[in-house]
Every structure is written in C-alpha cells, then in structure tokens.
C-alpha cells in the first residue's frame, strides 16, 4: 500500500510524504464527519422524546474510516479523470459524470459495509430491521452530501496539483534563465579573454621587432632598456591575466609602461601628456583596451615626425559614462584615409567593446584638416570597490 501511495504522490508532484498524506486526508474527512455528527446531536436535542443511539455514533465512525481509507482511490480517480486538463465542454461534462458514477459506487459500497457491520446491532438497539428499501432511501437522501464531499476533494486536488506544477515550471524557467545568463556571461568572458590573448602577442611581436632593429643598429643599451621595460609590462599583464576588466587607474599603469617602451624608441622626439580625472579612475575597462589605440597613434600618427611628437591621453567621467581620448599631433587624414580598413589592433578593440557592452560603447575617430587624430572611447562606467583589493592580491600571489 505504501509503495502505491508513493507512486500516487510522485505522479501528483505534491511535496508530501505518505505520513502527511494520511494525516491531511484524516483531517479532511474528520471535518465533515464532525459536522454531520454535530447536526445529529442538535436534532436529537431539539426533538422531544428523541434518543441518540450508540449505533448512530458507530455509523459516523465507520463512515469516517471508510472514506479515509478510500482517499487513495479518490485521488487516483482525480488524476485519471482530471477536470483541469479538459478543453472541450463535452469532455468536461463526461469527466463530471464519470466522477458522479464513481462517487455513487463508493457511497453504495459504504452503505453495504455499514449494513453488514451494524445491521444486527441497529435492529437490536432500535428494534427495527434494516431493509434494502431503507438502504436505498438513505442512499438517495444522502448521496448529494457524499457527492459534494467527493467532488470537493477532487477539485481541491486538481487545483493544488495544477498550482504546484505551475510554480514548479516557473521555478524551472527561472533556473533555466539563470543558467542561460551564466552561460552567456561565461561565453562573453571567454570571448573577451580570447581577444585579449590575441592582443598580447600582437604588441609583443611589434616591440620585439623594434628591439631587433635597435640591435642591428648597434644600439644595445637602448635595446636592453627596452627589453627590461617590456619585461615589467609583461609582468603587470600576467598579474592581471585572469581579469577581463580593470580600473582606469590600472589601465593607465599598463599604458604608461607601454609608452615608456616607445619613448625609449623615439628618445626625445616623443612627449606623453596625461589628464586623468580622479572620479574616472575607478571605472572599469577591458584590460589593454587603450594599447592598440596608442599603438595606432604611434604607427600611423607620429612615427614620421622628426621632432615634437605628442600623445595626450585624457579621461573624464560624464554621468554614468567614462570618456577616454587619445590625441596625437601626427599627419591625421593625410596618413590614415580609411578607418574602416583598420588593422588587427583596432579591429580587436572594436570587437572587445562590442562583446563587453554591445551598442552602449562607441569608438570615434576625429581627424580635422591639417593633421592630428583624436580617438574617443565612450564606455558605461561600472565601478568596483574590489578593484584595488583584487589587484594587490594578484600582485602578492604572483610574487609567491
């Protein structure tokens, strides 16, 4: 019996144990039995010369135990002939008539059981035999109440299972959405990481090419200093290699290290100016997002200048946006005619901005007539109080 009820509860989906099932069904039928028994007592008290027979009490007790024991069968019928799964009116009527027949059979069996158990006792105590005619009379007089109790249980069960299954589906849907968002986030992080790893060897190879050029020109001191500075830059990048986003402050640290390498290359021809607003320093950026822009300013802007080369980097916060500009006083339009044909570095930058921010981030070129180029980045400012802590912990971990 227990395994059958277990299967019944598993099919319903309700979070009930077998013990809870029996307790709840007992309370349900006890509620109605107490009502009917209370009515019998009130009739007895209000009727002159009336008696409340002991067999009447046994009658209500047997009725309670009978329907309590029949509860699994009622629940099975409620599952088998559910009223909430029907979409057509004719189907619904058929289901109701089916339950009417089932309730009639169950109630008829109850009366037969009570006749077999109490017939002799009632005849002895009340002095009148229980005939078939009397049983039929009781059936037609009381079946309405029995059917109402039966249908109330069926309807309540159907509604409860429907509500619970609906909540379960909503929960599964929310969990699926959460997993989907987590997968999207992991995919975006993986794509950003891949783009960042693609960028690292890009500027590394360019720098090593410059080192080789210096060696071939017997400028070993400058080549050695460039290798040392490159080592410092790579160490800083490796410390933050797990972070796709770093603060503007940390990004400027990497940019300064990169430009230090270029200043070794250009010696006194290159001057770098920084104007970083304090309120913009905690905004997060994709790591090394400025390096290809600065490299582009050097390669396509100031590389051919013999003196007075200038790169100016500014950062300011405008509301919920951080605006970063990289200015160079190079040839501008005369050198870079078509920004749509940009190389790996700038294409990489655009891809990273799109992956990280969608349409919320922009990169704009401004090349007025007569020279100079300004590249402007507008990025949503997302701040993290843990940025500095993470950076310090990463540095400590790298030393260990």
Protein backbone atom coordinates (compact mmCIF):
# COMPACT_ATOMS: atom_id res chain seq x y z
CA UNK A 1 0.00 0.00 0.00
CA UNK A 2 2.79 2.38 0.90
CA UNK A 3 4.56 1.93 -2.44
CA UNK A 4 1.27 2.50 -4.27
CA UNK A 5 0.71 5.76 -2.39
CA UNK A 6 4.33 6.75 -3.07
CA UNK A 7 3.72 6.31 -6.79
CA UNK A 8 0.48 8.26 -6.45
CA UNK A 9 2.26 11.17 -4.76
CA UNK A 10 5.12 11.11 -7.26
CA UNK A 11 2.63 11.32 -10.10
CA UNK A 12 0.87 14.27 -8.48
CA UNK A 13 4.11 16.14 -7.89
CA UNK A 14 2.92 17.36 -4.49
CA UNK A 15 5.69 17.57 -1.85
CA UNK A 16 4.00 15.20 0.59
CA UNK A 17 5.19 12.15 2.46
CA UNK A 18 2.94 9.11 2.92
CA UNK A 19 2.52 10.03 6.58
CA UNK A 20 1.48 13.58 5.69
CA UNK A 21 -0.90 12.25 3.07
CA UNK A 22 -2.76 10.13 5.62
CA UNK A 23 -2.86 12.92 8.19
CA UNK A 24 -4.24 15.51 5.77
CA UNK A 25 -6.87 13.10 4.46
CA UNK A 26 -7.86 12.22 8.02
CA UNK A 27 -8.35 15.89 8.89
CA UNK A 28 -10.38 16.40 5.71
CA UNK A 29 -12.88 13.61 6.39
CA UNK A 30 -12.95 14.30 10.14
CA UNK A 31 -14.05 17.85 9.43
CA UNK A 32 -17.17 16.70 7.59
CA UNK A 33 -17.87 13.81 9.98
CA UNK A 34 -17.87 16.19 12.94
CA UNK A 35 -20.26 18.49 11.09
CA UNK A 36 -22.73 15.70 10.33
CA UNK A 37 -22.40 14.19 13.79
CA UNK A 38 -22.93 17.63 15.34
CA UNK A 39 -26.08 18.02 13.24
CA UNK A 40 -27.37 14.66 14.53
CA UNK A 41 -26.76 15.76 18.13
CA UNK A 42 -28.59 19.07 17.60
CA UNK A 43 -31.57 17.26 16.03
CA UNK A 44 -31.60 14.87 18.97
CA UNK A 45 -31.51 17.76 21.48
CA UNK A 46 -34.26 19.70 19.70
CA UNK A 47 -36.59 16.74 19.11
CA UNK A 48 -38.87 15.79 22.03
CA UNK A 49 -38.62 12.20 23.23
CA UNK A 50 -35.75 11.54 20.78
CA UNK A 51 -32.82 9.28 21.54
CA UNK A 52 -29.23 9.28 20.34
CA UNK A 53 -28.39 5.63 19.81
CA UNK A 54 -24.92 4.21 20.28
CA UNK A 55 -25.16 2.67 16.81
CA UNK A 56 -25.56 6.18 15.40
CA UNK A 57 -22.12 7.06 16.76
CA UNK A 58 -20.69 3.86 15.31
CA UNK A 59 -22.33 4.75 11.99
CA UNK A 60 -20.46 8.08 11.77
CA UNK A 61 -17.21 6.46 12.91
CA UNK A 62 -17.44 3.74 10.24
CA UNK A 63 -18.25 6.39 7.62
CA UNK A 64 -15.15 8.39 8.64
CA UNK A 65 -12.85 5.36 8.50
CA UNK A 66 -14.36 4.17 5.21
CA UNK A 67 -13.78 7.44 3.31
CA UNK A 68 -10.41 7.93 4.95
CA UNK A 69 -9.31 4.53 3.67
CA UNK A 70 -10.83 5.25 0.24
CA UNK A 71 -8.88 8.52 -0.15
CA UNK A 72 -6.08 6.97 -2.31
CA UNK A 73 -8.76 5.66 -4.69
CA UNK A 74 -10.42 9.09 -4.83
CA UNK A 75 -7.05 10.74 -5.58
CA UNK A 76 -6.33 8.16 -8.27
CA UNK A 77 -9.68 8.93 -9.90
CA UNK A 78 -8.94 12.66 -9.63
CA UNK A 79 -5.68 12.06 -11.52
CA UNK A 80 -7.20 9.73 -14.06
CA UNK A 81 -10.19 11.96 -14.80
CA UNK A 82 -8.76 15.42 -14.19
CA UNK A 83 -11.18 18.32 -14.54
CA UNK A 84 -8.45 20.86 -15.42
CA UNK A 85 -6.99 19.03 -18.42
CA UNK A 86 -10.20 19.09 -20.43
CA UNK A 87 -10.51 21.77 -23.13
CA UNK A 88 -13.91 20.89 -24.59
CA UNK A 89 -17.22 21.32 -22.77
CA UNK A 90 -18.41 17.85 -23.78
CA UNK A 91 -15.22 16.34 -22.38
CA UNK A 92 -15.67 18.24 -19.11
CA UNK A 93 -19.26 17.00 -18.76
CA UNK A 94 -18.10 13.44 -19.41
CA UNK A 95 -15.47 13.75 -16.67
CA UNK A 96 -18.04 15.09 -14.18
CA UNK A 97 -20.48 12.27 -15.00
CA UNK A 98 -17.66 9.77 -14.54
CA UNK A 99 -16.95 11.15 -11.08
CA UNK A 100 -20.69 11.06 -10.35
CA UNK A 101 -20.73 7.35 -11.14
CA UNK A 102 -17.57 6.68 -9.09
CA UNK A 103 -18.97 8.57 -6.08
CA UNK A 104 -22.26 6.63 -6.37
CA UNK A 105 -20.42 3.30 -6.37
CA UNK A 106 -18.25 4.30 -3.41
CA UNK A 107 -21.23 5.55 -1.42
CA UNK A 108 -23.24 2.44 -2.25
CA UNK A 109 -20.37 0.25 -1.05
CA UNK A 110 -20.24 2.31 2.15
CA UNK A 111 -23.92 1.67 2.88
CA UNK A 112 -23.48 -2.05 2.21
CA UNK A 113 -20.48 -2.16 4.58
CA UNK A 114 -22.41 -0.31 7.29
CA UNK A 115 -25.38 -2.66 6.83
CA UNK A 116 -23.15 -5.72 7.19
CA UNK A 117 -21.38 -4.34 10.27
CA UNK A 118 -24.25 -2.58 12.07
CA UNK A 119 -27.44 -4.18 10.71
CA UNK A 120 -27.87 -6.60 13.58
CA UNK A 121 -26.81 -4.03 16.22
CA UNK A 122 -29.24 -1.41 14.88
CA UNK A 123 -32.08 -3.95 14.76
CA UNK A 124 -31.33 -4.93 18.35
CA UNK A 125 -30.87 -1.41 19.75
CA UNK A 126 -33.57 0.39 17.77
CA UNK A 127 -35.96 -2.52 17.39
CA UNK A 128 -36.26 -2.26 13.61
CA UNK A 129 -34.52 -4.20 10.89
CA UNK A 130 -32.55 -2.50 8.10
CA UNK A 131 -34.16 -3.50 4.84
CA UNK A 132 -32.97 -2.96 1.28
CA UNK A 133 -35.71 -0.37 0.86
CA UNK A 134 -34.38 1.58 3.83
CA UNK A 135 -30.80 1.40 2.49
CA UNK A 136 -32.00 2.72 -0.90
CA UNK A 137 -33.90 5.51 0.81
CA UNK A 138 -30.81 6.57 2.78
CA UNK A 139 -28.76 6.43 -0.43
CA UNK A 140 -30.98 8.83 -2.40
CA UNK A 141 -31.47 11.15 0.57
CA UNK A 142 -27.79 11.43 1.46
CA UNK A 143 -25.94 10.91 -1.85
CA UNK A 144 -25.90 14.65 -2.57
CA UNK A 145 -23.79 15.29 0.53
CA UNK A 146 -21.49 12.38 -0.21
CA UNK A 147 -21.01 13.53 -3.82
CA UNK A 148 -20.30 17.11 -2.67
CA UNK A 149 -17.56 15.91 -0.32
CA UNK A 150 -16.11 13.67 -3.01
CA UNK A 151 -16.09 16.41 -5.67
CA UNK A 152 -14.65 18.97 -3.28
CA UNK A 153 -11.69 16.67 -2.68
CA UNK A 154 -11.30 16.05 -6.44
CA UNK A 155 -11.45 19.75 -7.30
CA UNK A 156 -9.10 20.76 -4.47
CA UNK A 157 -6.62 18.11 -5.52
CA UNK A 158 -6.75 19.16 -9.19
CA UNK A 159 -6.28 22.84 -8.29
CA UNK A 160 -3.43 22.15 -5.85
CA UNK A 161 -1.53 19.97 -8.32
CA UNK A 162 -2.08 22.50 -11.09
CA UNK A 163 -0.83 25.39 -8.95
CA UNK A 164 2.17 23.43 -7.70
CA UNK A 165 3.10 22.24 -11.19
CA UNK A 166 2.75 25.82 -12.46
CA UNK A 167 5.04 27.09 -9.71
CA UNK A 168 7.46 24.27 -10.42
CA UNK A 169 7.52 25.18 -14.11
CA UNK A 170 8.09 28.85 -13.25
CA UNK A 171 10.93 27.87 -10.95
CA UNK A 172 12.45 25.66 -13.65
CA UNK A 173 12.05 28.52 -16.13
CA UNK A 174 13.79 30.95 -13.77
CA UNK A 175 16.58 28.44 -13.17
CA UNK A 176 16.92 27.88 -16.92
CA UNK A 177 17.10 31.64 -17.46
CA UNK A 178 19.71 31.94 -14.71
CA UNK A 179 21.79 29.14 -16.22
CA UNK A 180 21.37 30.73 -19.64
CA UNK A 181 22.57 34.10 -18.34
CA UNK A 182 25.50 32.42 -16.61
CA UNK A 183 26.41 30.64 -19.84
CA UNK A 184 26.13 33.90 -21.76
CA UNK A 185 28.37 35.60 -19.21
CA UNK A 186 30.89 32.76 -19.36
CA UNK A 187 30.84 32.86 -23.15
CA UNK A 188 31.35 36.63 -23.18
CA UNK A 189 34.22 36.30 -20.69
CA UNK A 190 35.78 33.55 -22.78
CA UNK A 191 35.48 35.67 -25.91
CA UNK A 192 36.98 38.69 -24.15
CA UNK A 193 39.79 36.53 -22.81
CA UNK A 194 40.46 35.15 -26.29
CA UNK A 195 40.56 38.65 -27.78
CA UNK A 196 42.88 39.81 -25.01
CA UNK A 197 45.21 36.86 -25.54
CA UNK A 198 45.17 37.62 -29.26
CA UNK A 199 46.23 41.20 -28.49
CA UNK A 200 49.11 40.34 -26.15
CA UNK A 201 51.35 38.68 -28.77
CA UNK A 202 50.37 41.41 -31.24
CA UNK A 203 52.14 44.24 -29.41
CA UNK A 204 54.77 41.82 -28.10
CA UNK A 205 55.89 40.93 -31.61
CA UNK A 206 55.92 44.59 -32.64
CA UNK A 207 58.07 45.50 -29.64
CA UNK A 208 60.48 42.62 -30.23
CA UNK A 209 60.76 43.73 -33.85
CA UNK A 210 61.84 47.16 -32.58
CA UNK A 211 64.37 45.53 -30.25
CA UNK A 212 65.84 43.58 -33.15
CA UNK A 213 66.05 46.78 -35.19
CA UNK A 214 67.96 48.51 -32.38
CA UNK A 215 70.34 45.59 -32.08
CA UNK A 216 71.03 45.66 -35.80
CA UNK A 217 71.90 49.36 -35.47
CA UNK A 218 74.24 48.54 -32.55
CA UNK A 219 72.07 50.44 -30.08
CA UNK A 220 72.44 47.73 -27.48
CA UNK A 221 71.89 49.98 -24.45
CA UNK A 222 68.54 51.17 -25.73
CA UNK A 223 67.64 47.62 -26.77
CA UNK A 224 68.47 46.28 -23.29
CA UNK A 225 66.46 49.07 -21.63
CA UNK A 226 63.51 48.30 -23.92
CA UNK A 227 63.66 44.59 -23.07
CA UNK A 228 63.71 45.43 -19.34
CA UNK A 229 60.76 47.79 -19.70
CA UNK A 230 58.91 45.19 -21.79
CA UNK A 231 59.54 42.64 -19.02
CA UNK A 232 57.94 44.98 -16.49
CA UNK A 233 54.93 45.43 -18.75
CA UNK A 234 54.50 41.71 -19.33
CA UNK A 235 54.77 41.09 -15.58
CA UNK A 236 51.98 43.61 -14.98
CA UNK A 237 49.84 41.96 -17.67
CA UNK A 238 50.43 38.47 -16.26
CA UNK A 239 49.47 39.62 -12.76
CA UNK A 240 46.08 40.65 -14.16
CA UNK A 241 45.74 37.88 -16.73
CA UNK A 242 42.56 36.45 -15.14
CA UNK A 243 40.83 39.83 -15.08
CA UNK A 244 38.93 40.86 -18.19
CA UNK A 245 38.15 44.24 -16.63
CA UNK A 246 40.45 46.53 -14.66
CA UNK A 247 40.14 50.08 -13.37
CA UNK A 248 41.09 53.12 -15.41
CA UNK A 249 43.93 53.63 -12.91
CA UNK A 250 45.37 50.16 -13.61
CA UNK A 251 44.81 50.54 -17.33
CA UNK A 252 46.78 53.78 -17.26
CA UNK A 253 49.59 51.97 -15.46
CA UNK A 254 49.82 49.46 -18.33
CA UNK A 255 49.57 52.26 -20.88
CA UNK A 256 52.39 54.22 -19.21
CA UNK A 257 54.57 51.11 -19.26
CA UNK A 258 53.85 50.58 -22.94
CA UNK A 259 54.58 54.23 -23.79
CA UNK A 260 57.80 54.02 -21.79
CA UNK A 261 58.93 51.41 -24.30
CA UNK A 262 58.01 53.74 -27.17
CA UNK A 263 59.81 56.68 -25.54
CA UNK A 264 62.96 54.59 -25.47
CA UNK A 265 62.48 54.05 -29.18
CA UNK A 266 61.78 57.71 -30.02
CA UNK A 267 64.10 59.18 -27.34
CA UNK A 268 63.46 62.93 -27.06
CA UNK A 269 61.08 63.10 -30.03
CA UNK A 270 58.05 61.81 -28.09
CA UNK A 271 56.29 63.60 -25.27
CA UNK A 272 53.34 62.00 -23.44
CA UNK A 273 50.77 64.01 -21.50
CA UNK A 274 48.14 62.51 -19.14
CA UNK A 275 44.98 64.25 -17.92
CA UNK A 276 43.09 61.70 -15.83
CA UNK A 277 40.17 62.96 -13.72
CA UNK A 278 40.13 61.36 -10.24
CA UNK A 279 36.43 60.49 -10.48
CA UNK A 280 37.14 58.40 -13.59
CA UNK A 281 39.92 56.29 -12.08
CA UNK A 282 37.65 53.63 -10.52
CA UNK A 283 35.62 52.97 -13.69
CA UNK A 284 36.27 49.53 -15.15
CA UNK A 285 37.65 48.96 -18.66
CA UNK A 286 38.52 45.88 -20.69
CA UNK A 287 42.17 45.22 -19.96
CA UNK A 288 44.64 46.69 -22.54
CA UNK A 289 41.80 48.44 -24.38
CA UNK A 290 43.97 51.55 -24.86
CA UNK A 291 47.18 49.86 -26.03
CA UNK A 292 46.15 49.28 -29.69
CA UNK A 293 44.77 52.84 -29.88
CA UNK A 294 48.04 54.28 -28.57
CA UNK A 295 49.99 51.96 -30.88
CA UNK A 296 47.87 53.18 -33.79
CA UNK A 297 48.66 56.80 -32.81
CA UNK A 298 52.37 55.99 -32.91
CA UNK A 299 52.43 53.86 -36.06
CA UNK A 300 50.04 55.93 -38.20
CA UNK A 301 50.42 59.30 -36.49
CA UNK A 302 53.74 60.39 -35.12
CA UNK A 303 56.13 57.77 -36.46
CA UNK A 304 57.34 60.03 -39.28
CA UNK A 305 57.68 63.17 -37.15
CA UNK A 306 61.29 64.15 -36.59
CA UNK A 307 60.53 66.24 -33.50
CA UNK A 308 57.72 67.49 -31.28
CA UNK A 309 55.69 64.28 -31.32
CA UNK A 310 52.89 64.45 -28.75
CA UNK A 311 50.44 61.92 -27.42
CA UNK A 312 47.85 63.14 -24.94
CA UNK A 313 45.57 60.78 -23.04
CA UNK A 314 42.58 62.20 -21.17
CA UNK A 315 39.87 60.50 -19.12
CA UNK A 316 36.81 62.08 -17.57
CA UNK A 317 33.54 60.84 -16.20
CA UNK A 318 30.31 62.24 -17.62
CA UNK A 319 27.39 60.91 -15.57
CA UNK A 320 27.32 57.14 -15.97
CA UNK A 321 29.84 57.22 -18.84
CA UNK A 322 33.61 57.44 -18.87
CA UNK A 323 35.13 59.23 -21.90
CA UNK A 324 38.74 58.46 -22.79
CA UNK A 325 40.53 60.26 -25.61
CA UNK A 326 43.87 59.52 -27.23
CA UNK A 327 45.22 62.51 -29.15
CA UNK A 328 48.27 62.62 -31.39
CA UNK A 329 49.66 65.52 -33.42
CA UNK A 330 50.56 63.35 -36.36
CA UNK A 331 49.56 63.56 -40.01
CA UNK A 332 45.91 62.66 -39.42
CA UNK A 333 43.89 62.37 -42.63
CA UNK A 334 46.98 62.52 -44.80
CA UNK A 335 48.21 59.28 -43.29
CA UNK A 336 45.05 57.37 -42.31
CA UNK A 337 42.43 57.86 -45.01
CA UNK A 338 40.05 54.99 -44.26
CA UNK A 339 39.47 53.86 -40.71
CA UNK A 340 37.27 51.02 -41.90
CA UNK A 341 40.38 49.27 -43.13
CA UNK A 342 41.99 49.28 -39.68
CA UNK A 343 44.43 46.60 -38.66
CA UNK A 344 44.29 43.83 -36.11
CA UNK A 345 44.73 46.06 -33.06
CA UNK A 346 41.81 48.43 -33.69
CA UNK A 347 39.58 45.66 -35.06
CA UNK A 348 40.31 43.77 -31.87
CA UNK A 349 39.37 46.84 -29.83
CA UNK A 350 36.03 47.22 -31.59
CA UNK A 351 35.28 43.51 -31.11
CA UNK A 352 36.07 43.68 -27.40
CA UNK A 353 33.87 46.75 -26.92
CA UNK A 354 31.01 45.03 -28.74
CA UNK A 355 31.36 41.83 -26.71
CA UNK A 356 31.55 43.71 -23.42
CA UNK A 357 28.98 46.48 -23.90
CA UNK A 358 27.03 45.90 -27.12
CA UNK A 359 25.83 49.21 -28.51
CA UNK A 360 26.42 51.07 -25.24
CA UNK A 361 30.10 51.70 -26.05
CA UNK A 362 31.46 53.65 -29.04
CA UNK A 363 34.84 54.40 -30.60
CA UNK A 364 35.07 57.51 -32.74
CA UNK A 365 37.85 58.95 -34.91
CA UNK A 366 38.24 62.72 -35.31
CA UNK A 367 40.78 63.87 -37.90
CA UNK A 368 40.42 67.56 -38.69
CA UNK A 369 42.05 69.05 -41.84
CA UNK A 370 45.68 69.89 -41.35
CA UNK A 371 46.61 66.96 -39.15
CA UNK A 372 46.16 65.40 -35.67
CA UNK A 373 43.93 62.49 -34.73
CA UNK A 374 41.70 62.04 -31.70
CA UNK A 375 40.24 58.65 -30.88
CA UNK A 376 37.38 58.86 -28.36
CA UNK A 377 36.02 55.95 -26.34
CA UNK A 378 32.66 56.27 -24.59
CA UNK A 379 32.12 53.38 -22.20
CA UNK A 380 29.49 52.78 -19.47
CA UNK A 381 31.17 53.43 -16.14
CA UNK A 382 30.93 50.35 -13.96
CA UNK A 383 32.83 50.73 -10.70
CA UNK A 384 34.06 48.04 -8.36
CA UNK A 385 35.15 48.62 -4.79
CA UNK A 386 37.14 45.40 -5.01
CA UNK A 387 39.31 46.50 -7.91
CA UNK A 388 42.22 47.71 -5.80
CA UNK A 389 41.98 44.75 -3.45
CA UNK A 390 41.98 42.28 -6.32
CA UNK A 391 44.98 43.97 -7.91
CA UNK A 392 47.01 43.88 -4.68
CA UNK A 393 46.08 40.25 -4.04
CA UNK A 394 47.02 39.30 -7.61
CA UNK A 395 50.41 41.01 -7.29
CA UNK A 396 51.07 39.24 -3.99
CA UNK A 397 50.05 35.90 -5.47
CA UNK A 398 52.33 36.44 -8.48
CA UNK A 399 55.37 37.11 -6.22
CA UNK A 400 54.68 33.92 -4.27
